[in-house]
Structures are given as C-alpha cells and as structure tokens.
Amino acid sequence: MSKATRQCPADQEQQAEEQRRQEVARQEPSWKILPSRAAEGHPTLHRGNCPDAKRMTSLLSKEEVRLAFEKFPELEMHETCAPWGSLGIDKPPVRASGGRGA
C-alpha cells in the first residue's frame, strides 16, 4: 500500500464517525414495525433509530407507515421512542387492553 492510500488513525476515526452520522440521518425520518412477541399482542411501530428495534433492518417511509395502519388498525406505537412525534400526529391513547407496545 502506498503512503497516499494509507490513512492515519485520526482520519480513520473521523471517517467512521461520518459514516455513523450518515446512518443515523438515514434512519431518523424512517420507521420500523416489529411483530408482537405475544400471541395476543399487536405489531408495534418504532422510530427507525430506536435501540429496541435494532434487530429489524427494514426501514419504512411515512407512506408505508400509513399503509401499515390501514392494514393493521391495531398497530401500537412504542412508548419509549414515541414515533407519533416524527409522524406529526398526537400521542395515541393507551389501549383499553393496557397494551403499551413491545
């Protein structure tokens, strides 16, 4: 490898940080839906950057979320990451069953 193609550790750290920032920016305006962990539960909507939804790799657009609500009217919203704010809607009431999301 020539000197021109080598990067010093500080440059590598800066590049890694920039890649991390780009990934965060990509996830922020997106959402994820996790299936219920209980048989009687409902799928749960999360913000794209919610740590509780890390295992889901698919990111959804606002239009895809709208379609998901049409298909799954019982879709719940995760209390911790509060996806209603990023969707521009009011916080939904707690369900009568006491469900609060995954």
N, C-alpha and C. Protein backbone atom coordinates (compact mmCIF):
# COMPACT_ATOMS: atom_id res chain seq x y z
N MET A 1 0.85 -1.16 0.00
CA MET A 1 0.00 0.00 0.00
C MET A 1 0.90 1.23 0.00
N SER A 2 0.60 2.20 -0.84
CA SER A 2 1.42 3.41 -0.89
C SER A 2 1.03 4.36 0.23
N LYS A 3 1.90 5.32 0.50
CA LYS A 3 1.63 6.31 1.54
C LYS A 3 0.37 7.12 1.21
N ALA A 4 0.11 7.32 -0.08
CA ALA A 4 -1.04 8.12 -0.49
C ALA A 4 -2.36 7.45 -0.12
N THR A 5 -2.40 6.11 -0.07
CA THR A 5 -3.66 5.41 0.22
C THR A 5 -3.81 5.07 1.70
N ARG A 6 -2.78 5.23 2.49
CA ARG A 6 -2.88 4.97 3.92
C ARG A 6 -3.57 6.14 4.62
N GLN A 7 -4.30 5.81 5.68
CA GLN A 7 -4.93 6.85 6.48
C GLN A 7 -4.38 6.77 7.88
N CYS A 8 -4.18 7.91 8.48
CA CYS A 8 -3.74 7.91 9.87
C CYS A 8 -4.94 7.54 10.74
N PRO A 9 -4.71 7.06 11.95
CA PRO A 9 -5.82 6.67 12.82
C PRO A 9 -6.85 7.77 13.04
N ALA A 10 -6.43 9.01 13.12
CA ALA A 10 -7.38 10.11 13.31
C ALA A 10 -8.31 10.25 12.10
N ASP A 11 -7.77 10.08 10.89
CA ASP A 11 -8.60 10.14 9.68
C ASP A 11 -9.57 8.97 9.64
N GLN A 12 -9.12 7.79 10.06
CA GLN A 12 -10.00 6.62 10.09
C GLN A 12 -11.13 6.83 11.08
N GLU A 13 -10.82 7.38 12.24
CA GLU A 13 -11.84 7.65 13.25
C GLU A 13 -12.85 8.68 12.73
N GLN A 14 -12.34 9.69 12.06
CA GLN A 14 -13.21 10.73 11.52
C GLN A 14 -14.13 10.14 10.44
N GLN A 15 -13.58 9.28 9.60
CA GLN A 15 -14.37 8.64 8.55
C GLN A 15 -15.44 7.72 9.17
N ALA A 16 -15.09 6.97 10.19
CA ALA A 16 -16.04 6.08 10.86
C ALA A 16 -17.15 6.90 11.51
N GLU A 17 -16.80 8.02 12.13
CA GLU A 17 -17.80 8.88 12.76
C GLU A 17 -18.74 9.47 11.71
N GLU A 18 -18.20 9.86 10.57
CA GLU A 18 -19.02 10.41 9.50
C GLU A 18 -19.99 9.34 8.97
N GLN A 19 -19.53 8.11 8.82
CA GLN A 19 -20.40 7.02 8.38
C GLN A 19 -21.51 6.77 9.40
N ARG A 20 -21.17 6.83 10.69
CA ARG A 20 -22.17 6.65 11.74
C ARG A 20 -23.22 7.75 11.66
N ARG A 21 -22.79 8.99 11.48
CA ARG A 21 -23.71 10.12 11.38
C ARG A 21 -24.64 9.98 10.18
N GLN A 22 -24.09 9.52 9.06
CA GLN A 22 -24.91 9.33 7.86
C GLN A 22 -25.97 8.25 8.09
N GLU A 23 -25.61 7.19 8.80
CA GLU A 23 -26.57 6.12 9.10
C GLU A 23 -27.67 6.63 10.03
N VAL A 24 -27.31 7.41 11.03
CA VAL A 24 -28.31 7.99 11.94
C VAL A 24 -29.25 8.90 11.15
N ALA A 25 -28.70 9.74 10.27
CA ALA A 25 -29.52 10.64 9.47
C ALA A 25 -30.45 9.86 8.54
N ARG A 26 -30.01 8.73 8.05
CA ARG A 26 -30.83 7.89 7.17
C ARG A 26 -31.99 7.27 7.94
N GLN A 27 -31.75 6.89 9.20
CA GLN A 27 -32.77 6.21 9.99
C GLN A 27 -33.78 7.16 10.62
N GLU A 28 -33.38 8.38 10.95
CA GLU A 28 -34.26 9.29 11.70
C GLU A 28 -35.61 9.55 11.05
N PRO A 29 -35.70 9.81 9.74
CA PRO A 29 -37.02 10.06 9.17
C PRO A 29 -37.74 8.77 8.75
N SER A 30 -37.36 7.66 9.32
CA SER A 30 -37.92 6.36 8.95
C SER A 30 -38.50 5.66 10.17
N TRP A 31 -39.20 4.58 9.91
CA TRP A 31 -39.86 3.83 10.98
C TRP A 31 -39.67 2.35 10.74
N LYS A 32 -39.92 1.56 11.80
CA LYS A 32 -39.84 0.11 11.74
C LYS A 32 -41.06 -0.47 12.43
N ILE A 33 -41.51 -1.62 11.97
CA ILE A 33 -42.61 -2.31 12.63
C ILE A 33 -42.09 -3.65 13.11
N LEU A 34 -42.23 -3.88 14.41
CA LEU A 34 -41.83 -5.16 14.99
C LEU A 34 -43.07 -6.00 15.25
N PRO A 35 -43.00 -7.28 14.92
CA PRO A 35 -44.14 -8.16 15.23
C PRO A 35 -44.29 -8.31 16.74
N SER A 36 -45.48 -8.66 17.15
CA SER A 36 -45.74 -8.86 18.57
C SER A 36 -44.92 -10.02 19.10
N ARG A 37 -44.49 -9.91 20.35
CA ARG A 37 -43.78 -11.01 20.99
C ARG A 37 -44.75 -11.95 21.69
N ALA A 38 -46.01 -11.52 21.84
CA ALA A 38 -47.03 -12.35 22.48
C ALA A 38 -48.09 -12.72 21.44
N ALA A 39 -48.65 -13.90 21.58
CA ALA A 39 -49.65 -14.38 20.62
C ALA A 39 -50.85 -13.44 20.53
N GLU A 40 -51.26 -12.85 21.65
CA GLU A 40 -52.42 -11.97 21.65
C GLU A 40 -52.06 -10.51 21.44
N GLY A 41 -50.81 -10.22 21.23
CA GLY A 41 -50.36 -8.84 21.08
C GLY A 41 -50.53 -8.32 19.67
N HIS A 42 -50.06 -7.09 19.46
CA HIS A 42 -50.16 -6.42 18.17
C HIS A 42 -48.77 -5.97 17.73
N PRO A 43 -48.58 -5.79 16.41
CA PRO A 43 -47.30 -5.25 15.95
C PRO A 43 -47.10 -3.85 16.52
N THR A 44 -45.83 -3.45 16.65
CA THR A 44 -45.50 -2.17 17.27
C THR A 44 -44.65 -1.32 16.34
N LEU A 45 -45.04 -0.05 16.20
CA LEU A 45 -44.31 0.89 15.37
C LEU A 45 -43.21 1.56 16.19
N HIS A 46 -42.01 1.63 15.64
CA HIS A 46 -40.85 2.27 16.27
C HIS A 46 -40.27 3.30 15.31
N ARG A 47 -39.56 4.29 15.86
CA ARG A 47 -38.75 5.16 15.01
C ARG A 47 -37.62 4.32 14.43
N GLY A 48 -37.11 4.73 13.30
CA GLY A 48 -36.05 3.98 12.64
C GLY A 48 -34.79 3.83 13.45
N ASN A 49 -34.52 4.79 14.35
CA ASN A 49 -33.29 4.73 15.13
C ASN A 49 -33.53 4.26 16.56
N CYS A 50 -34.67 3.65 16.83
CA CYS A 50 -34.97 3.15 18.18
C CYS A 50 -34.07 1.97 18.52
N PRO A 51 -33.36 2.02 19.65
CA PRO A 51 -32.49 0.90 20.02
C PRO A 51 -33.26 -0.40 20.23
N ASP A 52 -34.53 -0.32 20.62
CA ASP A 52 -35.33 -1.53 20.83
C ASP A 52 -35.68 -2.23 19.52
N ALA A 53 -35.50 -1.55 18.40
CA ALA A 53 -35.84 -2.12 17.09
C ALA A 53 -34.60 -2.40 16.25
N LYS A 54 -33.44 -2.48 16.89
CA LYS A 54 -32.18 -2.70 16.15
C LYS A 54 -32.20 -3.95 15.28
N ARG A 55 -32.86 -5.00 15.77
CA ARG A 55 -32.83 -6.28 15.05
C ARG A 55 -33.59 -6.24 13.73
N MET A 56 -34.46 -5.25 13.55
CA MET A 56 -35.18 -5.10 12.30
C MET A 56 -34.37 -4.19 11.38
N THR A 57 -34.07 -4.68 10.19
CA THR A 57 -33.24 -3.89 9.29
C THR A 57 -34.05 -3.08 8.30
N SER A 58 -35.30 -3.43 8.07
CA SER A 58 -36.12 -2.73 7.08
C SER A 58 -36.61 -1.40 7.63
N LEU A 59 -36.38 -0.35 6.86
CA LEU A 59 -36.87 0.97 7.23
C LEU A 59 -38.07 1.31 6.35
N LEU A 60 -39.09 1.92 6.95
CA LEU A 60 -40.31 2.26 6.24
C LEU A 60 -40.42 3.76 6.06
N SER A 61 -41.01 4.16 4.96
CA SER A 61 -41.29 5.58 4.71
C SER A 61 -42.61 5.95 5.39
N LYS A 62 -42.91 7.24 5.41
CA LYS A 62 -44.16 7.71 6.01
C LYS A 62 -45.36 7.09 5.27
N GLU A 63 -45.28 6.99 3.97
CA GLU A 63 -46.37 6.39 3.18
C GLU A 63 -46.54 4.92 3.53
N GLU A 64 -45.44 4.20 3.71
CA GLU A 64 -45.52 2.78 4.09
C GLU A 64 -46.14 2.62 5.48
N VAL A 65 -45.85 3.55 6.38
CA VAL A 65 -46.46 3.51 7.72
C VAL A 65 -47.96 3.74 7.60
N ARG A 66 -48.36 4.70 6.76
CA ARG A 66 -49.79 4.95 6.55
C ARG A 66 -50.50 3.70 6.05
N LEU A 67 -49.89 3.02 5.09
CA LEU A 67 -50.46 1.78 4.57
C LEU A 67 -50.51 0.69 5.64
N ALA A 68 -49.49 0.65 6.49
CA ALA A 68 -49.48 -0.35 7.58
C ALA A 68 -50.62 -0.11 8.55
N PHE A 69 -50.93 1.17 8.85
CA PHE A 69 -52.06 1.47 9.72
C PHE A 69 -53.38 1.05 9.09
N GLU A 70 -53.47 1.16 7.76
CA GLU A 70 -54.69 0.71 7.08
C GLU A 70 -54.82 -0.81 7.17
N LYS A 71 -53.71 -1.49 7.01
CA LYS A 71 -53.72 -2.96 7.02
C LYS A 71 -53.83 -3.52 8.44
N PHE A 72 -53.18 -2.86 9.39
CA PHE A 72 -53.17 -3.32 10.79
C PHE A 72 -53.69 -2.20 11.69
N PRO A 73 -55.02 -2.04 11.78
CA PRO A 73 -55.55 -0.95 12.61
C PRO A 73 -55.18 -1.08 14.08
N GLU A 74 -54.79 -2.25 14.51
CA GLU A 74 -54.40 -2.46 15.91
C GLU A 74 -52.91 -2.19 16.15
N LEU A 75 -52.23 -1.64 15.14
CA LEU A 75 -50.81 -1.33 15.27
C LEU A 75 -50.60 -0.40 16.47
N GLU A 76 -49.68 -0.76 17.33
CA GLU A 76 -49.40 0.04 18.52
C GLU A 76 -48.13 0.86 18.29
N MET A 77 -47.98 1.92 19.08
CA MET A 77 -46.79 2.76 18.97
C MET A 77 -45.94 2.59 20.22
N HIS A 78 -44.66 2.43 20.00
CA HIS A 78 -43.71 2.21 21.08
C HIS A 78 -43.64 3.45 21.97
N GLU A 79 -43.81 3.27 23.24
CA GLU A 79 -43.84 4.38 24.20
C GLU A 79 -42.49 5.08 24.34
N THR A 80 -41.40 4.34 24.24
CA THR A 80 -40.08 4.92 24.51
C THR A 80 -39.60 5.82 23.39
N CYS A 81 -39.68 5.37 22.15
CA CYS A 81 -39.16 6.18 21.04
C CYS A 81 -40.20 7.14 20.48
N ALA A 82 -41.46 7.02 20.89
CA ALA A 82 -42.53 7.95 20.55
C ALA A 82 -42.62 8.29 19.06
N PRO A 83 -42.94 7.31 18.21
CA PRO A 83 -42.97 7.58 16.77
C PRO A 83 -44.04 8.56 16.33
N TRP A 84 -45.05 8.81 17.16
CA TRP A 84 -46.10 9.75 16.76
C TRP A 84 -45.54 11.14 16.52
N GLY A 85 -44.52 11.54 17.26
CA GLY A 85 -43.93 12.87 17.06
C GLY A 85 -43.32 13.03 15.69
N SER A 86 -42.59 12.03 15.24
CA SER A 86 -41.94 12.11 13.93
C SER A 86 -42.95 11.95 12.79
N LEU A 87 -44.14 11.43 13.10
CA LEU A 87 -45.19 11.31 12.09
C LEU A 87 -46.08 12.55 12.05
N GLY A 88 -45.89 13.44 13.04
CA GLY A 88 -46.67 14.66 13.08
C GLY A 88 -48.10 14.45 13.55
N ILE A 89 -48.32 13.44 14.40
CA ILE A 89 -49.65 13.17 14.93
C ILE A 89 -49.62 13.23 16.45
N ASP A 90 -50.78 13.36 17.06
CA ASP A 90 -50.87 13.38 18.52
C ASP A 90 -50.59 12.00 19.09
N LYS A 91 -50.15 11.99 20.34
CA LYS A 91 -49.91 10.73 21.04
C LYS A 91 -51.24 9.98 21.15
N PRO A 92 -51.24 8.71 20.73
CA PRO A 92 -52.49 7.95 20.82
C PRO A 92 -52.81 7.59 22.27
N PRO A 93 -54.09 7.41 22.57
CA PRO A 93 -54.46 7.00 23.94
C PRO A 93 -53.97 5.58 24.21
N VAL A 94 -53.76 5.27 25.48
CA VAL A 94 -53.38 3.91 25.86
C VAL A 94 -54.58 3.01 25.58
N ARG A 95 -54.32 1.86 25.01
CA ARG A 95 -55.39 0.93 24.65
C ARG A 95 -56.08 0.39 25.90
N ALA A 96 -57.35 0.06 25.75
CA ALA A 96 -58.14 -0.49 26.85
C ALA A 96 -57.53 -1.77 27.39
N SER A 97 -56.84 -2.53 26.55
CA SER A 97 -56.22 -3.78 26.99
C SER A 97 -54.96 -3.51 27.81
N GLY A 98 -54.55 -2.24 27.87
CA GLY A 98 -53.34 -1.90 28.63
C GLY A 98 -52.08 -2.06 27.82
N GLY A 99 -52.22 -2.36 26.51
CA GLY A 99 -51.04 -2.55 25.67
C GLY A 99 -50.24 -1.29 25.54
N ARG A 100 -48.96 -1.40 25.65
CA ARG A 100 -48.08 -0.23 25.54
C ARG A 100 -47.01 -0.44 24.48
N GLY A 101 -47.07 -1.49 23.71
CA GLY A 101 -46.03 -1.72 22.72
C GLY A 101 -45.00 -2.69 23.25
N ALA A 102 -44.06 -3.04 22.35
CA ALA A 102 -43.05 -4.04 22.72
C ALA A 102 -41.91 -3.41 23.47
